[in-house]
Structures are given as structure tokens and as C-alpha cells.
Amino acid sequence: MTDEEAPPRRRGTARTDELLRTTIELGAEVGYAGLSFEALARRAGVGKHTLYRRWPSKSALLLDALNRVWTKGLDYRDTGDVRADLREQFLRSASALSEPPIGPLYRAVIAEAQADSALRATLHARFLRTVEQSTLDRITLAQQTGELDPDADLTYAAEVLSGTLYYRWLVTDLPIDEYAVDGLLAMFLAAYAR
């Protein structure tokens, strides 16, 4: 390929998207431990300074990459049946978390966040809060349409719904399967359904 045939260099958002996509691809191949700015720079055909300008650490880069991939799947469907919508979303999330690249890479970022308070704050602000807010939005809609108790404060319920599944995934070897999701939803609806 001659210089005239070379594709144009990407800049800005397009370049960032390309770097995030490359991060996920490389992370899936080599795991968290094998992922480095050096390896990513080689794969992406950029200098390390390009990466350091955008991200202060490997964990921050990986969190951005996971956030880009993962948050696309966080939106709840609205079928008019809150139980069905929560169930579908929780099972879809469990499936994504159980498989590469998201599952192993996300676990690695969470492990790193335990010793890095700035990363932990970023993880909460950019991902966990998004999950909780998305859940709260869906159950608040159900409250407004008469499916759930109109007087209940659902903020804590959204946190418990989301947190229970992440706890089960992160801390135990128990599956997040239909049985687990149905049990969680039965408790939620017993407490909040009209």
C-alpha cells in the first residue's frame, strides 16, 4: 500500500472509539494481566503518549472500554410488564457477565478498584450508578403506571435489585440463572406490587 492508498488517520471520537475497541479485543486475547499500554499502542499503531493523554492508567482505559460496550445493553425494554422487563434485563446482563470479554475484564477492574479509591469512585460514577439509575427509571415507570405501590420510595429497591445480582456474580460461585432472578423478583414484587 502506498502513502496515497493508506487510510486517513483517525482523530478525536473516531480514534478514541478505535482504541477502546482495540482494548477489548486485546484484553480478551491476553487477559487483564497481559494488557499494557505498550501492547495496546503496538496493536493500535499509535504511540503510548496517545493513550496516556486520554487515560491515566490501564484500569481507567479498560473501564472506559467496558463502559462503552456494556452500557449499550443496559437499557430496559418497556413492555408494560415490569416483572418481564426486569427479568429479561437481568438474564441478559448475567449472560454478558458470564462470558468473555466483559466478564473476566470487568472482574479485573473491580479487583483493581479495591486498592484504588479513585478508580472505585470512577467505577461507581460511570457504571454502577448507571445500572442503578436505569433500574430505578424502569421501576419508577411501573410505579407511575400503577403496577407498583404509588407511595413507595424505590431508590433503595433499585440498588438492592442491581446489587444482589452483582454480589452473586462477584462474590459467590452461585449462578445468576432463571431461578435466582425469579426469586429476587418475587421478593421485590411481594414488597412493592399493588
N, C-alpha and C. Protein backbone atom coordinates (compact mmCIF):
# COMPACT_ATOMS: atom_id res chain seq x y z
N MET A 1 0.85 -1.17 0.00
CA MET A 1 0.00 0.00 0.00
C MET A 1 0.89 1.24 0.00
N THR A 2 0.65 2.16 -0.87
CA THR A 2 1.42 3.39 -0.93
C THR A 2 0.84 4.40 0.04
N ASP A 3 1.57 5.50 0.25
CA ASP A 3 1.06 6.55 1.15
C ASP A 3 -0.27 7.09 0.65
N GLU A 4 -0.44 7.14 -0.68
CA GLU A 4 -1.70 7.65 -1.22
C GLU A 4 -2.85 6.71 -0.93
N GLU A 5 -2.55 5.41 -0.79
CA GLU A 5 -3.61 4.42 -0.54
C GLU A 5 -3.86 4.21 0.95
N ALA A 6 -2.98 4.70 1.80
CA ALA A 6 -3.13 4.50 3.24
C ALA A 6 -4.41 5.16 3.73
N PRO A 7 -5.12 4.49 4.65
CA PRO A 7 -6.33 5.11 5.17
C PRO A 7 -5.98 6.36 5.97
N PRO A 8 -6.88 7.32 6.00
CA PRO A 8 -6.59 8.54 6.76
C PRO A 8 -6.49 8.22 8.25
N ARG A 9 -5.62 8.93 8.95
CA ARG A 9 -5.50 8.75 10.40
C ARG A 9 -6.75 9.29 11.07
N ARG A 10 -7.24 8.55 12.02
CA ARG A 10 -8.43 8.99 12.72
C ARG A 10 -8.05 9.88 13.89
N ARG A 11 -8.92 10.79 14.20
CA ARG A 11 -8.69 11.70 15.32
C ARG A 11 -9.96 11.81 16.14
N GLY A 12 -9.82 12.36 17.32
CA GLY A 12 -10.97 12.65 18.16
C GLY A 12 -11.78 11.42 18.53
N THR A 13 -13.09 11.54 18.42
CA THR A 13 -14.00 10.48 18.85
C THR A 13 -13.77 9.19 18.08
N ALA A 14 -13.55 9.28 16.78
CA ALA A 14 -13.33 8.07 15.98
C ALA A 14 -12.08 7.34 16.46
N ARG A 15 -11.04 8.08 16.77
CA ARG A 15 -9.80 7.47 17.25
C ARG A 15 -10.01 6.85 18.62
N THR A 16 -10.71 7.55 19.49
CA THR A 16 -10.99 7.01 20.82
C THR A 16 -11.81 5.73 20.72
N ASP A 17 -12.83 5.72 19.88
CA ASP A 17 -13.63 4.51 19.67
C ASP A 17 -12.77 3.35 19.20
N GLU A 18 -11.87 3.63 18.28
CA GLU A 18 -10.97 2.60 17.76
C GLU A 18 -10.07 2.05 18.86
N LEU A 19 -9.55 2.93 19.70
CA LEU A 19 -8.68 2.50 20.80
C LEU A 19 -9.45 1.67 21.83
N LEU A 20 -10.68 2.05 22.12
CA LEU A 20 -11.50 1.29 23.07
C LEU A 20 -11.83 -0.09 22.51
N ARG A 21 -12.16 -0.14 21.25
CA ARG A 21 -12.46 -1.43 20.60
C ARG A 21 -11.22 -2.32 20.61
N THR A 22 -10.07 -1.75 20.31
CA THR A 22 -8.82 -2.50 20.31
C THR A 22 -8.48 -2.99 21.72
N THR A 23 -8.78 -2.18 22.73
CA THR A 23 -8.55 -2.58 24.12
C THR A 23 -9.35 -3.82 24.47
N ILE A 24 -10.62 -3.84 24.10
CA ILE A 24 -11.46 -5.01 24.38
C ILE A 24 -10.93 -6.23 23.64
N GLU A 25 -10.59 -6.07 22.38
CA GLU A 25 -10.08 -7.20 21.59
C GLU A 25 -8.79 -7.76 22.19
N LEU A 26 -7.86 -6.89 22.52
CA LEU A 26 -6.59 -7.33 23.08
C LEU A 26 -6.79 -7.91 24.49
N GLY A 27 -7.62 -7.25 25.27
CA GLY A 27 -7.90 -7.76 26.62
C GLY A 27 -8.51 -9.15 26.59
N ALA A 28 -9.38 -9.40 25.63
CA ALA A 28 -9.99 -10.73 25.50
C ALA A 28 -8.93 -11.77 25.14
N GLU A 29 -7.93 -11.37 24.38
CA GLU A 29 -6.87 -12.30 23.98
C GLU A 29 -5.87 -12.58 25.08
N VAL A 30 -5.43 -11.52 25.78
CA VAL A 30 -4.30 -11.67 26.70
C VAL A 30 -4.71 -11.55 28.17
N GLY A 31 -5.96 -11.18 28.45
CA GLY A 31 -6.40 -11.02 29.84
C GLY A 31 -5.91 -9.70 30.41
N TYR A 32 -6.37 -9.42 31.61
CA TYR A 32 -6.02 -8.15 32.26
C TYR A 32 -4.53 -8.05 32.50
N ALA A 33 -3.94 -9.12 32.99
CA ALA A 33 -2.51 -9.10 33.33
C ALA A 33 -1.65 -8.83 32.09
N GLY A 34 -2.03 -9.35 30.95
CA GLY A 34 -1.25 -9.17 29.73
C GLY A 34 -1.51 -7.88 29.00
N LEU A 35 -2.53 -7.15 29.43
CA LEU A 35 -2.88 -5.90 28.77
C LEU A 35 -1.96 -4.79 29.29
N SER A 36 -1.31 -4.10 28.40
CA SER A 36 -0.43 -2.99 28.79
C SER A 36 -0.56 -1.88 27.75
N PHE A 37 -0.18 -0.67 28.15
CA PHE A 37 -0.19 0.43 27.20
C PHE A 37 0.76 0.14 26.04
N GLU A 38 1.88 -0.51 26.34
CA GLU A 38 2.84 -0.84 25.28
C GLU A 38 2.21 -1.77 24.25
N ALA A 39 1.58 -2.84 24.74
CA ALA A 39 0.96 -3.81 23.83
C ALA A 39 -0.19 -3.17 23.05
N LEU A 40 -0.97 -2.37 23.73
CA LEU A 40 -2.10 -1.71 23.06
C LEU A 40 -1.61 -0.71 22.01
N ALA A 41 -0.57 0.04 22.35
CA ALA A 41 -0.02 1.00 21.39
C ALA A 41 0.48 0.29 20.14
N ARG A 42 1.16 -0.85 20.34
CA ARG A 42 1.63 -1.63 19.18
C ARG A 42 0.45 -2.10 18.34
N ARG A 43 -0.56 -2.66 18.98
CA ARG A 43 -1.72 -3.20 18.26
C ARG A 43 -2.46 -2.10 17.52
N ALA A 44 -2.61 -0.95 18.16
CA ALA A 44 -3.39 0.15 17.57
C ALA A 44 -2.56 1.01 16.61
N GLY A 45 -1.24 0.82 16.61
CA GLY A 45 -0.39 1.60 15.72
C GLY A 45 -0.27 3.05 16.14
N VAL A 46 -0.22 3.27 17.47
CA VAL A 46 -0.07 4.63 18.00
C VAL A 46 1.08 4.65 19.00
N GLY A 47 1.48 5.83 19.38
CA GLY A 47 2.47 5.97 20.44
C GLY A 47 1.79 5.87 21.79
N LYS A 48 2.55 5.46 22.81
CA LYS A 48 1.99 5.36 24.16
C LYS A 48 1.44 6.70 24.64
N HIS A 49 2.06 7.80 24.21
CA HIS A 49 1.59 9.12 24.63
C HIS A 49 0.14 9.37 24.22
N THR A 50 -0.28 8.78 23.09
CA THR A 50 -1.67 8.91 22.65
C THR A 50 -2.61 8.32 23.69
N LEU A 51 -2.20 7.20 24.26
CA LEU A 51 -3.01 6.55 25.29
C LEU A 51 -2.97 7.32 26.60
N TYR A 52 -1.77 7.72 27.03
CA TYR A 52 -1.63 8.43 28.30
C TYR A 52 -2.32 9.79 28.29
N ARG A 53 -2.47 10.39 27.11
CA ARG A 53 -3.20 11.66 27.03
C ARG A 53 -4.68 11.46 27.36
N ARG A 54 -5.19 10.30 27.03
CA ARG A 54 -6.62 10.04 27.23
C ARG A 54 -6.93 9.35 28.55
N TRP A 55 -6.04 8.48 29.01
CA TRP A 55 -6.30 7.67 30.20
C TRP A 55 -5.08 7.66 31.12
N PRO A 56 -5.32 7.85 32.42
CA PRO A 56 -4.19 7.89 33.36
C PRO A 56 -3.62 6.52 33.72
N SER A 57 -4.40 5.46 33.46
CA SER A 57 -3.95 4.13 33.86
C SER A 57 -4.62 3.07 32.99
N LYS A 58 -4.08 1.88 33.06
CA LYS A 58 -4.64 0.74 32.35
C LYS A 58 -6.07 0.46 32.83
N SER A 59 -6.28 0.56 34.14
CA SER A 59 -7.62 0.30 34.68
C SER A 59 -8.64 1.30 34.17
N ALA A 60 -8.25 2.58 34.13
CA ALA A 60 -9.17 3.61 33.64
C ALA A 60 -9.49 3.38 32.16
N LEU A 61 -8.50 3.00 31.39
CA LEU A 61 -8.71 2.69 29.97
C LEU A 61 -9.66 1.51 29.82
N LEU A 62 -9.41 0.46 30.57
CA LEU A 62 -10.24 -0.74 30.47
C LEU A 62 -11.67 -0.45 30.93
N LEU A 63 -11.82 0.35 31.96
CA LEU A 63 -13.16 0.71 32.43
C LEU A 63 -13.90 1.49 31.35
N ASP A 64 -13.23 2.41 30.68
CA ASP A 64 -13.86 3.14 29.58
C ASP A 64 -14.28 2.19 28.46
N ALA A 65 -13.39 1.25 28.14
CA ALA A 65 -13.70 0.30 27.07
C ALA A 65 -14.89 -0.57 27.44
N LEU A 66 -14.91 -1.07 28.66
CA LEU A 66 -16.04 -1.90 29.11
C LEU A 66 -17.31 -1.08 29.18
N ASN A 67 -17.19 0.13 29.66
CA ASN A 67 -18.35 1.01 29.77
C ASN A 67 -18.98 1.24 28.39
N ARG A 68 -18.15 1.43 27.38
CA ARG A 68 -18.64 1.66 26.03
C ARG A 68 -19.41 0.44 25.52
N VAL A 69 -18.87 -0.75 25.77
CA VAL A 69 -19.50 -1.98 25.31
C VAL A 69 -20.72 -2.32 26.16
N TRP A 70 -20.57 -2.18 27.46
CA TRP A 70 -21.57 -2.69 28.39
C TRP A 70 -22.80 -1.81 28.48
N THR A 71 -22.63 -0.48 28.56
CA THR A 71 -23.79 0.37 28.78
C THR A 71 -24.75 0.38 27.61
N LYS A 72 -24.31 -0.06 26.44
CA LYS A 72 -25.24 -0.17 25.31
C LYS A 72 -26.33 -1.19 25.62
N GLY A 73 -26.04 -2.15 26.48
CA GLY A 73 -27.01 -3.19 26.80
C GLY A 73 -27.76 -2.96 28.09
N LEU A 74 -27.66 -1.77 28.68
CA LEU A 74 -28.28 -1.53 29.98
C LEU A 74 -29.71 -1.01 29.90
N ASP A 75 -30.16 -0.63 28.74
CA ASP A 75 -31.50 -0.06 28.63
C ASP A 75 -32.55 -1.15 28.76
N TYR A 76 -33.53 -0.86 29.60
CA TYR A 76 -34.63 -1.79 29.79
C TYR A 76 -35.63 -1.64 28.65
N ARG A 77 -36.23 -2.73 28.30
CA ARG A 77 -37.37 -2.65 27.39
C ARG A 77 -38.59 -2.26 28.22
N ASP A 78 -39.57 -1.69 27.60
CA ASP A 78 -40.81 -1.34 28.28
C ASP A 78 -41.95 -2.04 27.56
N THR A 79 -42.31 -3.21 28.08
CA THR A 79 -43.41 -3.97 27.51
C THR A 79 -44.72 -3.70 28.24
N GLY A 80 -44.64 -2.89 29.32
CA GLY A 80 -45.81 -2.66 30.15
C GLY A 80 -45.91 -3.66 31.29
N ASP A 81 -44.97 -4.57 31.38
CA ASP A 81 -44.95 -5.59 32.44
C ASP A 81 -43.59 -5.50 33.12
N VAL A 82 -43.56 -4.86 34.29
CA VAL A 82 -42.29 -4.60 34.96
C VAL A 82 -41.54 -5.88 35.30
N ARG A 83 -42.27 -6.91 35.70
CA ARG A 83 -41.60 -8.17 36.04
C ARG A 83 -40.90 -8.74 34.81
N ALA A 84 -41.58 -8.78 33.70
CA ALA A 84 -41.00 -9.33 32.47
C ALA A 84 -39.79 -8.50 32.02
N ASP A 85 -39.90 -7.19 32.15
CA ASP A 85 -38.80 -6.33 31.70
C ASP A 85 -37.57 -6.48 32.59
N LEU A 86 -37.79 -6.52 33.92
CA LEU A 86 -36.66 -6.72 34.84
C LEU A 86 -36.03 -8.09 34.61
N ARG A 87 -36.86 -9.09 34.46
CA ARG A 87 -36.35 -10.47 34.27
C ARG A 87 -35.50 -10.55 33.00
N GLU A 88 -36.01 -10.00 31.93
CA GLU A 88 -35.27 -10.06 30.66
C GLU A 88 -33.93 -9.34 30.78
N GLN A 89 -33.93 -8.17 31.41
CA GLN A 89 -32.70 -7.39 31.56
C GLN A 89 -31.70 -8.12 32.44
N PHE A 90 -32.15 -8.67 33.56
CA PHE A 90 -31.23 -9.34 34.48
C PHE A 90 -30.62 -10.58 33.84
N LEU A 91 -31.41 -11.34 33.11
CA LEU A 91 -30.87 -12.53 32.44
C LEU A 91 -29.91 -12.14 31.32
N ARG A 92 -30.22 -11.07 30.60
CA ARG A 92 -29.32 -10.59 29.55
C ARG A 92 -27.99 -10.11 30.15
N SER A 93 -28.07 -9.39 31.26
CA SER A 93 -26.85 -8.92 31.93
C SER A 93 -26.03 -10.08 32.45
N ALA A 94 -26.70 -11.06 33.04
CA ALA A 94 -25.99 -12.23 33.57
C ALA A 94 -25.26 -12.97 32.47
N SER A 95 -25.87 -13.07 31.33
CA SER A 95 -25.24 -13.74 30.20
C SER A 95 -23.99 -12.99 29.75
N ALA A 96 -24.09 -11.66 29.66
CA ALA A 96 -22.93 -10.86 29.25
C ALA A 96 -21.80 -10.95 30.26
N LEU A 97 -22.14 -10.96 31.55
CA LEU A 97 -21.11 -11.02 32.59
C LEU A 97 -20.44 -12.39 32.67
N SER A 98 -21.11 -13.40 32.20
CA SER A 98 -20.56 -14.76 32.34
C SER A 98 -19.60 -15.13 31.22
N GLU A 99 -19.47 -14.27 30.22
CA GLU A 99 -18.66 -14.62 29.05
C GLU A 99 -17.59 -13.57 28.78
N PRO A 100 -16.48 -13.98 28.16
CA PRO A 100 -15.50 -13.01 27.70
C PRO A 100 -16.11 -12.19 26.55
N PRO A 101 -15.69 -10.99 26.33
CA PRO A 101 -14.62 -10.34 27.06
C PRO A 101 -15.09 -9.61 28.31
N ILE A 102 -16.38 -9.33 28.44
CA ILE A 102 -16.85 -8.46 29.52
C ILE A 102 -16.58 -9.05 30.89
N GLY A 103 -17.00 -10.28 31.14
CA GLY A 103 -16.89 -10.87 32.47
C GLY A 103 -15.50 -10.83 33.07
N PRO A 104 -14.52 -11.49 32.47
CA PRO A 104 -13.19 -11.51 33.07
C PRO A 104 -12.53 -10.13 33.18
N LEU A 105 -12.73 -9.30 32.18
CA LEU A 105 -12.12 -7.97 32.23
C LEU A 105 -12.78 -7.08 33.27
N TYR A 106 -14.08 -7.17 33.39
CA TYR A 106 -14.79 -6.36 34.39
C TYR A 106 -14.40 -6.80 35.80
N ARG A 107 -14.28 -8.10 36.03
CA ARG A 107 -13.82 -8.59 37.34
C ARG A 107 -12.44 -8.02 37.67
N ALA A 108 -11.56 -7.98 36.69
CA ALA A 108 -10.21 -7.47 36.92
C ALA A 108 -10.23 -5.99 37.30
N VAL A 109 -11.08 -5.21 36.67
CA VAL A 109 -11.17 -3.79 37.01
C VAL A 109 -11.72 -3.64 38.43
N ILE A 110 -12.71 -4.44 38.78
CA ILE A 110 -13.27 -4.36 40.13
C ILE A 110 -12.22 -4.74 41.17
N ALA A 111 -11.43 -5.75 40.88
CA ALA A 111 -10.37 -6.15 41.81
C ALA A 111 -9.37 -5.01 41.98
N GLU A 112 -8.99 -4.38 40.89
CA GLU A 112 -8.05 -3.25 40.95
C GLU A 112 -8.65 -2.08 41.73
N ALA A 113 -9.95 -1.87 41.61
CA ALA A 113 -10.61 -0.76 42.29
C ALA A 113 -10.60 -0.90 43.81
N GLN A 114 -10.42 -2.11 44.32
CA GLN A 114 -10.39 -2.29 45.76
C GLN A 114 -9.18 -1.61 46.40
N ALA A 115 -8.11 -1.45 45.66
CA ALA A 115 -6.90 -0.80 46.17
C ALA A 115 -6.71 0.60 45.60
N ASP A 116 -7.66 1.06 44.79
CA ASP A 116 -7.52 2.35 44.13
C ASP A 116 -8.82 3.13 44.31
N SER A 117 -8.83 4.04 45.29
CA SER A 117 -10.08 4.73 45.62
C SER A 117 -10.58 5.61 44.48
N ALA A 118 -9.67 6.18 43.70
CA ALA A 118 -10.10 7.00 42.56
C ALA A 118 -10.79 6.14 41.51
N LEU A 119 -10.22 4.97 41.24
CA LEU A 119 -10.85 4.07 40.28
C LEU A 119 -12.19 3.58 40.80
N ARG A 120 -12.26 3.30 42.11
CA ARG A 120 -13.52 2.84 42.71
C ARG A 120 -14.60 3.91 42.54
N ALA A 121 -14.23 5.17 42.76
CA ALA A 121 -15.19 6.27 42.59
C ALA A 121 -15.62 6.39 41.14
N THR A 122 -14.67 6.24 40.23
CA THR A 122 -14.99 6.31 38.80
C THR A 122 -15.88 5.15 38.40
N LEU A 123 -15.57 3.96 38.89
CA LEU A 123 -16.39 2.78 38.61
C LEU A 123 -17.83 3.00 39.05
N HIS A 124 -17.99 3.55 40.24
CA HIS A 124 -19.34 3.81 40.74
C HIS A 124 -20.05 4.88 39.91
N ALA A 125 -19.35 5.97 39.66
CA ALA A 125 -19.98 7.09 38.96
C ALA A 125 -20.33 6.76 37.52
N ARG A 126 -19.46 6.03 36.84
CA ARG A 126 -19.66 5.82 35.41
C ARG A 126 -20.35 4.52 35.06
N PHE A 127 -20.38 3.56 35.99
CA PHE A 127 -21.01 2.30 35.64
C PHE A 127 -22.10 1.91 36.63
N LEU A 128 -21.75 1.72 37.88
CA LEU A 128 -22.72 1.21 38.84
C LEU A 128 -23.90 2.16 39.01
N ARG A 129 -23.63 3.46 39.05
CA ARG A 129 -24.72 4.42 39.17
C ARG A 129 -25.62 4.36 37.93
N THR A 130 -25.03 4.11 36.76
CA THR A 130 -25.81 3.97 35.53
C THR A 130 -26.75 2.77 35.62
N VAL A 131 -26.22 1.66 36.14
CA VAL A 131 -27.03 0.45 36.30
C VAL A 131 -28.18 0.72 37.26
N GLU A 132 -27.87 1.31 38.41
CA GLU A 132 -28.91 1.59 39.40
C GLU A 132 -29.95 2.57 38.86
N GLN A 133 -29.49 3.61 38.17
CA GLN A 133 -30.42 4.61 37.64
C GLN A 133 -31.33 4.01 36.57
N SER A 134 -30.77 3.18 35.73
CA SER A 134 -31.57 2.52 34.70
C SER A 134 -32.66 1.65 35.33
N THR A 135 -32.28 0.93 36.38
CA THR A 135 -33.26 0.10 37.10
C THR A 135 -34.30 0.97 37.78
N LEU A 136 -33.84 2.04 38.43
CA LEU A 136 -34.78 2.95 39.10
C LEU A 136 -35.75 3.57 38.09
N ASP A 137 -35.26 3.96 36.94
CA ASP A 137 -36.14 4.54 35.92
C ASP A 137 -37.23 3.57 35.51
N ARG A 138 -36.85 2.30 35.33
CA ARG A 138 -37.85 1.31 34.89
C ARG A 138 -38.88 1.03 35.97
N ILE A 139 -38.45 0.91 37.23
CA ILE A 139 -39.44 0.60 38.27
C ILE A 139 -40.26 1.85 38.64
N THR A 140 -39.69 3.03 38.47
CA THR A 140 -40.46 4.26 38.69
C THR A 140 -41.57 4.38 37.64
N LEU A 141 -41.25 4.01 36.41
CA LEU A 141 -42.28 4.00 35.37
C LEU A 141 -43.40 3.03 35.74
N ALA A 142 -43.02 1.87 36.26
CA ALA A 142 -44.04 0.90 36.68
C ALA A 142 -44.88 1.46 37.83
N GLN A 143 -44.26 2.23 38.68
CA GLN A 143 -45.00 2.88 39.77
C GLN A 143 -46.00 3.90 39.19
N GLN A 144 -45.56 4.65 38.21
CA GLN A 144 -46.42 5.67 37.60
C GLN A 144 -47.58 5.07 36.82
N THR A 145 -47.39 3.86 36.30
CA THR A 145 -48.47 3.22 35.54
C THR A 145 -49.34 2.32 36.40
N GLY A 146 -49.09 2.31 37.70
CA GLY A 146 -49.96 1.60 38.63
C GLY A 146 -49.56 0.17 38.94
N GLU A 147 -48.43 -0.29 38.44
CA GLU A 147 -48.01 -1.66 38.75
C GLU A 147 -47.43 -1.79 40.16
N LEU A 148 -46.82 -0.72 40.66
CA LEU A 148 -46.15 -0.76 41.95
C LEU A 148 -46.76 0.27 42.89
N ASP A 149 -46.56 0.07 44.18
CA ASP A 149 -47.06 0.93 45.24
C ASP A 149 -46.73 2.39 44.95
N PRO A 150 -47.75 3.25 44.84
CA PRO A 150 -47.50 4.64 44.48
C PRO A 150 -46.78 5.45 45.56
N ASP A 151 -46.79 4.97 46.78
CA ASP A 151 -46.18 5.72 47.89
C ASP A 151 -44.77 5.24 48.25
N ALA A 152 -44.30 4.20 47.61
CA ALA A 152 -43.01 3.63 47.97
C ALA A 152 -41.86 4.45 47.42
N ASP A 153 -40.80 4.57 48.22
CA ASP A 153 -39.54 5.14 47.73
C ASP A 153 -38.76 3.98 47.13
N LEU A 154 -38.58 4.01 45.83
CA LEU A 154 -37.97 2.88 45.12
C LEU A 154 -36.45 2.99 44.95
N THR A 155 -35.87 4.04 45.50
CA THR A 155 -34.43 4.25 45.33
C THR A 155 -33.63 3.08 45.88
N TYR A 156 -33.91 2.69 47.10
CA TYR A 156 -33.19 1.59 47.72
C TYR A 156 -33.51 0.27 47.02
N ALA A 157 -34.75 0.11 46.58
CA ALA A 157 -35.13 -1.12 45.87
C ALA A 157 -34.31 -1.29 44.60
N ALA A 158 -34.06 -0.21 43.87
CA ALA A 158 -33.25 -0.28 42.65
C ALA A 158 -31.83 -0.72 42.97
N GLU A 159 -31.30 -0.19 44.07
CA GLU A 159 -29.94 -0.56 44.49
C GLU A 159 -29.88 -2.03 44.89
N VAL A 160 -30.89 -2.49 45.61
CA VAL A 160 -30.91 -3.89 46.04
C VAL A 160 -31.09 -4.83 44.85
N LEU A 161 -31.98 -4.48 43.93
CA LEU A 161 -32.17 -5.31 42.74
C LEU A 161 -30.87 -5.48 41.97
N SER A 162 -30.20 -4.38 41.71
CA SER A 162 -28.95 -4.43 40.95
C SER A 162 -27.84 -5.07 41.78
N GLY A 163 -27.71 -4.64 43.02
CA GLY A 163 -26.63 -5.11 43.87
C GLY A 163 -26.67 -6.59 44.16
N THR A 164 -27.84 -7.14 44.30
CA THR A 164 -27.96 -8.57 44.59
C THR A 164 -27.35 -9.40 43.49
N LEU A 165 -27.63 -9.05 42.26
CA LEU A 165 -27.09 -9.82 41.14
C LEU A 165 -25.59 -9.66 41.02
N TYR A 166 -25.07 -8.43 41.22
CA TYR A 166 -23.63 -8.23 41.14
C TYR A 166 -22.91 -8.92 42.29
N TYR A 167 -23.51 -8.90 43.47
CA TYR A 167 -22.92 -9.62 44.61
C TYR A 167 -22.82 -11.11 44.28
N ARG A 168 -23.88 -11.66 43.79
CA ARG A 168 -23.90 -13.09 43.46
C ARG A 168 -22.84 -13.42 42.41
N TRP A 169 -22.69 -12.55 41.42
CA TRP A 169 -21.72 -12.77 40.35
C TRP A 169 -20.28 -12.60 40.84
N LEU A 170 -20.05 -11.57 41.67
CA LEU A 170 -18.68 -11.25 42.08
C LEU A 170 -18.16 -12.09 43.23
N VAL A 171 -19.00 -12.39 44.20
CA VAL A 171 -18.51 -12.94 45.45
C VAL A 171 -18.78 -14.42 45.62
N THR A 172 -19.75 -14.96 44.91
CA THR A 172 -20.09 -16.36 45.09
C THR A 172 -19.84 -17.14 43.79
N ASP A 173 -19.98 -18.42 43.89
CA ASP A 173 -19.93 -19.24 42.68
C ASP A 173 -21.32 -19.70 42.27
N LEU A 174 -22.34 -19.05 42.84
CA LEU A 174 -23.72 -19.37 42.51
C LEU A 174 -24.11 -18.72 41.19
N PRO A 175 -24.90 -19.40 40.40
CA PRO A 175 -25.27 -18.84 39.10
C PRO A 175 -26.32 -17.73 39.22
N ILE A 176 -26.32 -16.87 38.24
CA ILE A 176 -27.43 -15.92 38.08
C ILE A 176 -28.28 -16.51 36.96
N ASP A 177 -29.14 -17.42 37.36
CA ASP A 177 -29.98 -18.12 36.39
C ASP A 177 -31.44 -17.72 36.58
N GLU A 178 -32.31 -18.37 35.85
CA GLU A 178 -33.73 -18.04 35.93
C GLU A 178 -34.27 -18.21 37.35
N TYR A 179 -33.81 -19.23 38.04
CA TYR A 179 -34.26 -19.49 39.41
C TYR A 179 -33.88 -18.32 40.32
N ALA A 180 -32.64 -17.87 40.23
CA ALA A 180 -32.18 -16.76 41.07
C ALA A 180 -32.92 -15.47 40.74
N VAL A 181 -33.06 -15.18 39.46
CA VAL A 181 -33.73 -13.95 39.03
C VAL A 181 -35.20 -13.99 39.44
N ASP A 182 -35.87 -15.12 39.24
CA ASP A 182 -37.28 -15.23 39.62
C ASP A 182 -37.47 -15.07 41.13
N GLY A 183 -36.54 -15.62 41.92
CA GLY A 183 -36.62 -15.47 43.38
C GLY A 183 -36.46 -14.01 43.80
N LEU A 184 -35.52 -13.32 43.21
CA LEU A 184 -35.31 -11.91 43.51
C LEU A 184 -36.54 -11.09 43.13
N LEU A 185 -37.08 -11.35 41.97
CA LEU A 185 -38.26 -10.59 41.53
C LEU A 185 -39.49 -10.89 42.37
N ALA A 186 -39.63 -12.14 42.84
CA ALA A 186 -40.75 -12.48 43.71
C ALA A 186 -40.68 -11.68 45.01
N MET A 187 -39.48 -11.53 45.58
CA MET A 187 -39.33 -10.74 46.80
C MET A 187 -39.63 -9.26 46.54
N PHE A 188 -39.12 -8.76 45.43
CA PHE A 188 -39.36 -7.36 45.08
C PHE A 188 -40.85 -7.08 44.91
N LEU A 189 -41.53 -7.93 44.17
CA LEU A 189 -42.95 -7.71 43.90
C LEU A 189 -43.80 -7.94 45.15
N ALA A 190 -43.39 -8.86 46.00
CA ALA A 190 -44.11 -9.07 47.26
C ALA A 190 -44.08 -7.80 48.11
N ALA A 191 -42.98 -7.08 48.02
CA ALA A 191 -42.84 -5.85 48.81
C ALA A 191 -43.47 -4.63 48.16
N TYR A 192 -43.47 -4.56 46.83
CA TYR A 192 -43.84 -3.31 46.16
C TYR A 192 -45.02 -3.38 45.20
N ALA A 193 -45.46 -4.56 44.80
CA ALA A 193 -46.58 -4.62 43.85
C ALA A 193 -47.87 -4.16 44.50
N ARG A 194 -48.76 -3.58 43.70
CA ARG A 194 -50.05 -3.11 44.22
C ARG A 194 -50.95 -4.29 44.46
